[in-house]
C-alpha atoms as a PDB file:
ATOM      1  CA  UNK A   1      27.466 -25.372 -61.249  1.00  0.00           C
ATOM      2  CA  UNK A   2      24.371 -26.483 -59.473  1.00  0.00           C
ATOM      3  CA  UNK A   3      22.446 -23.982 -57.377  1.00  0.00           C
ATOM      4  CA  UNK A   4      19.839 -24.054 -54.397  1.00  0.00           C
ATOM      5  CA  UNK A   5      16.362 -22.300 -54.925  1.00  0.00           C
ATOM      6  CA  UNK A   6      14.291 -22.139 -51.785  1.00  0.00           C
ATOM      7  CA  UNK A   7      11.122 -24.282 -51.611  1.00  0.00           C
ATOM      8  CA  UNK A   8       9.638 -23.714 -48.522  1.00  0.00           C
ATOM      9  CA  UNK A   9      10.095 -23.188 -44.582  1.00  0.00           C
ATOM     10  CA  UNK A  10       8.758 -25.763 -42.225  1.00  0.00           C
ATOM     11  CA  UNK A  11       8.227 -24.738 -38.502  1.00  0.00           C
ATOM     12  CA  UNK A  12       7.249 -27.823 -36.279  1.00  0.00           C
ATOM     13  CA  UNK A  13       6.839 -29.043 -33.035  1.00  0.00           C
ATOM     14  CA  UNK A  14       8.365 -32.570 -32.294  1.00  0.00           C
ATOM     15  CA  UNK A  15       6.928 -35.390 -30.123  1.00  0.00           C
ATOM     16  CA  UNK A  16      10.014 -37.992 -29.557  1.00  0.00           C
ATOM     17  CA  UNK A  17       9.037 -41.742 -28.814  1.00  0.00           C
ATOM     18  CA  UNK A  18      12.034 -43.778 -27.617  1.00  0.00           C
ATOM     19  CA  UNK A  19      12.349 -47.276 -28.917  1.00  0.00           C
ATOM     20  CA  UNK A  20      15.510 -48.368 -27.296  1.00  0.00           C
ATOM     21  CA  UNK A  21      18.678 -49.758 -28.183  1.00  0.00           C
ATOM     22  CA  UNK A  22      18.864 -51.557 -31.736  1.00  0.00           C
ATOM     23  CA  UNK A  23      21.687 -52.978 -33.611  1.00  0.00           C
ATOM     24  CA  UNK A  24      22.326 -50.039 -35.393  1.00  0.00           C
ATOM     25  CA  UNK A  25      22.288 -47.299 -32.258  1.00  0.00           C
ATOM     26  CA  UNK A  26      19.552 -46.250 -30.394  1.00  0.00           C
ATOM     27  CA  UNK A  27      16.341 -45.625 -32.070  1.00  0.00           C
ATOM     28  CA  UNK A  28      13.774 -42.659 -31.732  1.00  0.00           C
ATOM     29  CA  UNK A  29      10.709 -41.617 -33.614  1.00  0.00           C
ATOM     30  CA  UNK A  30      10.257 -37.932 -33.561  1.00  0.00           C
ATOM     31  CA  UNK A  31       6.604 -37.289 -34.793  1.00  0.00           C
ATOM     32  CA  UNK A  32       6.304 -33.648 -35.867  1.00  0.00           C
ATOM     33  CA  UNK A  33       3.430 -31.128 -37.018  1.00  0.00           C
ATOM     34  CA  UNK A  34       3.588 -27.845 -37.943  1.00  0.00           C
ATOM     35  CA  UNK A  35       3.359 -25.283 -41.111  1.00  0.00           C
ATOM     36  CA  UNK A  36       5.063 -24.641 -44.312  1.00  0.00           C
ATOM     37  CA  UNK A  37       5.075 -21.220 -45.781  1.00  0.00           C
ATOM     38  CA  UNK A  38       6.581 -20.981 -49.570  1.00  0.00           C
ATOM     39  CA  UNK A  39       6.851 -18.549 -52.403  1.00  0.00           C
ATOM     40  CA  UNK A  40       4.969 -21.185 -54.484  1.00  0.00           C
ATOM     41  CA  UNK A  41       1.713 -20.817 -52.556  1.00  0.00           C
ATOM     42  CA  UNK A  42      -0.221 -18.229 -50.191  1.00  0.00           C
ATOM     43  CA  UNK A  43      -0.279 -18.446 -46.897  1.00  0.00           C
ATOM     44  CA  UNK A  44       0.484 -21.387 -44.548  1.00  0.00           C
ATOM     45  CA  UNK A  45      -0.035 -25.171 -45.169  1.00  0.00           C
ATOM     46  CA  UNK A  46      -0.117 -27.915 -42.452  1.00  0.00           C
ATOM     47  CA  UNK A  47       2.796 -30.253 -42.267  1.00  0.00           C
ATOM     48  CA  UNK A  48       2.884 -33.513 -40.436  1.00  0.00           C
ATOM     49  CA  UNK A  49       5.406 -36.581 -40.481  1.00  0.00           C
ATOM     50  CA  UNK A  50       7.502 -38.779 -38.722  1.00  0.00           C
ATOM     51  CA  UNK A  51      11.438 -38.824 -38.556  1.00  0.00           C
ATOM     52  CA  UNK A  52      12.761 -42.438 -37.804  1.00  0.00           C
ATOM     53  CA  UNK A  53      16.110 -41.413 -36.027  1.00  0.00           C
ATOM     54  CA  UNK A  54      18.848 -43.915 -35.144  1.00  0.00           C
ATOM     55  CA  UNK A  55      21.483 -42.425 -32.694  1.00  0.00           C
ATOM     56  CA  UNK A  56      24.963 -43.401 -33.943  1.00  0.00           C
ATOM     57  CA  UNK A  57      27.832 -44.282 -31.834  1.00  0.00           C
ATOM     58  CA  UNK A  58      29.153 -40.867 -32.616  1.00  0.00           C
ATOM     59  CA  UNK A  59      26.303 -39.291 -30.960  1.00  0.00           C
ATOM     60  CA  UNK A  60      24.820 -37.840 -34.072  1.00  0.00           C
ATOM     61  CA  UNK A  61      21.716 -38.920 -35.468  1.00  0.00           C
ATOM     62  CA  UNK A  62      21.068 -40.868 -38.936  1.00  0.00           C
ATOM     63  CA  UNK A  63      17.797 -39.555 -40.572  1.00  0.00           C
ATOM     64  CA  UNK A  64      14.678 -41.357 -42.210  1.00  0.00           C
ATOM     65  CA  UNK A  65      11.965 -38.817 -42.905  1.00  0.00           C
ATOM     66  CA  UNK A  66       8.447 -39.423 -44.364  1.00  0.00           C
ATOM     67  CA  UNK A  67       6.178 -36.327 -44.204  1.00  0.00           C
ATOM     68  CA  UNK A  68       3.504 -34.434 -46.009  1.00  0.00           C
ATOM     69  CA  UNK A  69       2.602 -30.581 -46.743  1.00  0.00           C
ATOM     70  CA  UNK A  70      -0.540 -29.497 -47.267  1.00  0.00           C
ATOM     71  CA  UNK A  71      -4.103 -31.261 -47.454  1.00  0.00           C
ATOM     72  CA  UNK A  72      -6.228 -32.942 -50.269  1.00  0.00           C
ATOM     73  CA  UNK A  73      -5.141 -32.362 -53.619  1.00  0.00           C
ATOM     74  CA  UNK A  74      -2.458 -29.971 -52.575  1.00  0.00           C
ATOM     75  CA  UNK A  75      -0.475 -32.414 -50.752  1.00  0.00           C
ATOM     76  CA  UNK A  76       3.035 -32.758 -51.445  1.00  0.00           C
ATOM     77  CA  UNK A  77       4.715 -35.904 -50.122  1.00  0.00           C
ATOM     78  CA  UNK A  78       8.616 -36.016 -49.385  1.00  0.00           C
ATOM     79  CA  UNK A  79      10.767 -38.648 -48.362  1.00  0.00           C
ATOM     80  CA  UNK A  80      14.445 -37.847 -46.787  1.00  0.00           C
ATOM     81  CA  UNK A  81      17.525 -39.242 -45.386  1.00  0.00           C
ATOM     82  CA  UNK A  82      20.522 -37.664 -43.907  1.00  0.00           C
ATOM     83  CA  UNK A  83      22.392 -36.668 -40.571  1.00  0.00           C
ATOM     84  CA  UNK A  84      21.505 -34.588 -37.947  1.00  0.00           C
ATOM     85  CA  UNK A  85      24.620 -33.074 -36.090  1.00  0.00           C
ATOM     86  CA  UNK A  86      23.933 -32.926 -32.242  1.00  0.00           C
ATOM     87  CA  UNK A  87      24.935 -29.765 -30.487  1.00  0.00           C
ATOM     88  CA  UNK A  88      23.480 -30.536 -27.137  1.00  0.00           C
ATOM     89  CA  UNK A  89      21.191 -32.775 -25.408  1.00  0.00           C
ATOM     90  CA  UNK A  90      18.413 -30.229 -26.566  1.00  0.00           C
ATOM     91  CA  UNK A  91      19.859 -28.860 -29.948  1.00  0.00           C
ATOM     92  CA  UNK A  92      20.638 -30.632 -33.273  1.00  0.00           C
ATOM     93  CA  UNK A  93      21.096 -29.347 -36.813  1.00  0.00           C
ATOM     94  CA  UNK A  94      19.487 -31.846 -39.665  1.00  0.00           C
ATOM     95  CA  UNK A  95      21.110 -32.135 -43.254  1.00  0.00           C
ATOM     96  CA  UNK A  96      18.587 -33.980 -45.513  1.00  0.00           C
ATOM     97  CA  UNK A  97      18.206 -35.109 -49.096  1.00  0.00           C
ATOM     98  CA  UNK A  98      14.903 -35.098 -50.307  1.00  0.00           C
ATOM     99  CA  UNK A  99      12.529 -36.492 -53.119  1.00  0.00           C
ATOM    100  CA  UNK A 100       8.874 -35.246 -53.712  1.00  0.00           C
ATOM    101  CA  UNK A 101       5.910 -36.847 -54.952  1.00  0.00           C
ATOM    102  CA  UNK A 102       2.683 -35.000 -55.779  1.00  0.00           C
ATOM    103  CA  UNK A 103      -0.439 -35.037 -58.062  1.00  0.00           C
ATOM    104  CA  UNK A 104      -0.889 -31.152 -57.627  1.00  0.00           C
ATOM    105  CA  UNK A 105      -0.565 -30.030 -61.383  1.00  0.00           C
ATOM    106  CA  UNK A 106       0.933 -26.476 -60.109  1.00  0.00           C
ATOM    107  CA  UNK A 107       3.615 -28.201 -58.053  1.00  0.00           C
ATOM    108  CA  UNK A 108       4.005 -31.443 -60.426  1.00  0.00           C
ATOM    109  CA  UNK A 109       7.463 -30.318 -61.327  1.00  0.00           C
ATOM    110  CA  UNK A 110       8.471 -31.270 -57.635  1.00  0.00           C
ATOM    111  CA  UNK A 111       8.118 -35.177 -58.896  1.00  0.00           C
ATOM    112  CA  UNK A 112      11.558 -34.549 -61.202  1.00  0.00           C
ATOM    113  CA  UNK A 113      13.592 -32.740 -58.624  1.00  0.00           C
ATOM    114  CA  UNK A 114      15.715 -33.579 -55.683  1.00  0.00           C
ATOM    115  CA  UNK A 115      15.856 -31.430 -52.698  1.00  0.00           C
ATOM    116  CA  UNK A 116      18.318 -30.522 -49.526  1.00  0.00           C
ATOM    117  CA  UNK A 117      16.829 -29.605 -46.290  1.00  0.00           C
ATOM    118  CA  UNK A 118      18.922 -27.423 -43.544  1.00  0.00           C
ATOM    119  CA  UNK A 119      17.904 -26.426 -40.303  1.00  0.00           C
ATOM    120  CA  UNK A 120      17.924 -26.588 -36.974  1.00  0.00           C
ATOM    121  CA  UNK A 121      15.849 -28.457 -33.776  1.00  0.00           C
ATOM    122  CA  UNK A 122      15.876 -26.972 -30.382  1.00  0.00           C
ATOM    123  CA  UNK A 123      13.686 -27.826 -27.154  1.00  0.00           C
ATOM    124  CA  UNK A 124      11.076 -29.646 -29.131  1.00  0.00           C
ATOM    125  CA  UNK A 125      10.979 -27.214 -32.054  1.00  0.00           C
ATOM    126  CA  UNK A 126      12.099 -27.636 -35.493  1.00  0.00           C
ATOM    127  CA  UNK A 127      12.683 -25.161 -38.201  1.00  0.00           C
ATOM    128  CA  UNK A 128      13.966 -26.505 -41.769  1.00  0.00           C
ATOM    129  CA  UNK A 129      14.417 -24.687 -45.019  1.00  0.00           C
ATOM    130  CA  UNK A 130      13.909 -27.251 -47.956  1.00  0.00           C
ATOM    131  CA  UNK A 131      15.598 -26.249 -51.244  1.00  0.00           C
ATOM    132  CA  UNK A 132      15.470 -27.500 -54.712  1.00  0.00           C
ATOM    133  CA  UNK A 133      18.849 -28.483 -56.395  1.00  0.00           C
ATOM    134  CA  UNK A 134      18.945 -26.986 -59.841  1.00  0.00           C
ATOM    135  CA  UNK A 135      21.423 -27.725 -62.356  1.00  0.00           C
END
């Protein structure tokens, strides 16, 4: 039975940009910046990225995420897709499937795993815990 191993916790602020109605729904880009903490490194590492969101006809959001954690040789890039369940006009709960890329030798094992992100966003803030799926 697969298990989830905590990889890191991201805390960020979001800056939404409305793009308007598209064939698949209303499109918004949520740029985000913040920090990540992890049992795999000491201290905080910067996080930045964009979540390309399409608000679906049911009011929930389809997610397409591109982001980085860290700087220089410590950078971990990740891509995600998923859905964010909207609880109110200012609160949503993202559920993400993730893949990673890094050249960092200490974290190179991330290149061969998939992850899951679970969290919440409220009033322009975002907290997401990234987990690694272990067989």
